Amino acid sequence: MLDVHATAQISPWADIADSVRGSRIVVVDEEYLRTQRPQRVLILPWNLREELTRQLGCVRAWGGRFVPAVPRLEVL
């Protein structure tokens, strides 16, 4: 089971409000990731996988891992 606590909005042009439509996943800013230091970061926009893992390289610094969901779920 995957327990998703929040989602981060990296791009100011992203078309999301305070939660991901159709879910109860709360949207937070990138600073949340830096202060809360989650163990796993789920990447939903498959086409931004490389860019997001580069931009959020600090996640690996504290031992966090990236989990892209598309085209298949994997832990990086």
Protein backbone atom coordinates (compact mmCIF):
# COMPACT_ATOMS: atom_id res chain seq x y z
CA MET A 1 0.00 0.00 0.00
CA LEU A 2 1.21 3.48 -0.82
CA ASP A 3 0.35 6.13 1.76
CA VAL A 4 0.59 9.58 0.12
CA HIS A 5 0.66 12.46 2.61
CA ALA A 6 1.17 15.46 0.32
CA THR A 7 2.24 16.51 -3.14
CA ALA A 8 4.63 19.33 -3.99
CA GLN A 9 3.99 21.93 -6.64
CA ILE A 10 7.34 22.61 -8.29
CA SER A 11 6.21 24.70 -11.24
CA PRO A 12 4.32 27.96 -10.65
CA TRP A 13 2.47 27.25 -13.92
CA ALA A 14 1.10 23.90 -12.76
CA ASP A 15 -2.68 23.70 -13.02
CA ILE A 16 -3.43 22.40 -9.54
CA ALA A 17 -5.15 24.04 -6.62
CA ASP A 18 -4.81 23.05 -2.96
CA SER A 19 -5.31 19.34 -3.65
CA VAL A 20 -4.92 16.91 -6.52
CA ARG A 21 -8.26 16.62 -8.30
CA GLY A 22 -10.19 13.48 -7.46
CA SER A 23 -8.02 12.68 -4.44
CA ARG A 24 -7.34 13.87 -0.94
CA ILE A 25 -3.65 14.46 -1.60
CA VAL A 26 -2.74 17.91 -0.27
CA VAL A 27 -0.54 20.20 -2.41
CA VAL A 28 2.47 21.74 -0.64
CA ASP A 29 5.41 23.78 -1.91
CA GLU A 30 8.90 22.46 -2.59
CA GLU A 31 10.13 23.74 0.78
CA TYR A 32 7.92 21.14 2.48
CA LEU A 33 10.06 18.39 0.96
CA ARG A 34 13.22 20.04 2.23
CA THR A 35 11.93 20.48 5.80
CA GLN A 36 9.92 17.27 6.22
CA ARG A 37 12.44 15.01 4.44
CA PRO A 38 10.11 12.22 3.29
CA GLN A 39 11.53 8.75 2.68
CA ARG A 40 9.86 8.48 -0.73
CA VAL A 41 8.84 11.10 -3.29
CA LEU A 42 6.19 9.93 -5.76
CA ILE A 43 6.62 11.38 -9.27
CA LEU A 44 3.35 11.46 -11.19
CA PRO A 45 4.26 13.53 -14.30
CA TRP A 46 6.25 10.84 -16.13
CA ASN A 47 7.52 13.31 -18.73
CA LEU A 48 9.25 15.38 -16.02
CA ARG A 49 10.93 12.46 -14.25
CA GLU A 50 14.51 13.38 -15.19
CA GLU A 51 14.02 17.09 -14.53
CA LEU A 52 12.39 16.54 -11.13
CA THR A 53 14.99 14.05 -9.90
CA ARG A 54 17.70 16.54 -10.88
CA GLN A 55 15.90 19.54 -9.37
CA LEU A 56 15.16 17.67 -6.14
CA GLY A 57 18.59 16.09 -5.75
CA CYS A 58 18.49 17.05 -2.06
CA VAL A 59 16.08 14.15 -1.51
CA ARG A 60 18.90 11.67 -2.10
CA ALA A 61 21.15 13.62 0.30
CA TRP A 62 19.01 12.56 3.29
CA GLY A 63 18.48 9.02 1.97
CA GLY A 64 15.11 9.64 0.29
CA ARG A 65 14.17 7.86 -2.92
CA PHE A 66 12.08 8.75 -5.95
CA VAL A 67 9.11 6.63 -7.01
CA PRO A 68 7.94 7.31 -10.57
CA ALA A 69 4.48 5.84 -11.23
CA VAL A 70 4.35 5.81 -15.03
CA PRO A 71 4.93 3.85 -17.24
CA ARG A 72 5.45 1.40 -14.36
CA LEU A 73 5.86 1.89 -10.62
CA GLU A 74 9.52 1.69 -9.54
CA VAL A 75 11.76 2.95 -6.76
CA LEU A 76 14.89 4.82 -7.87
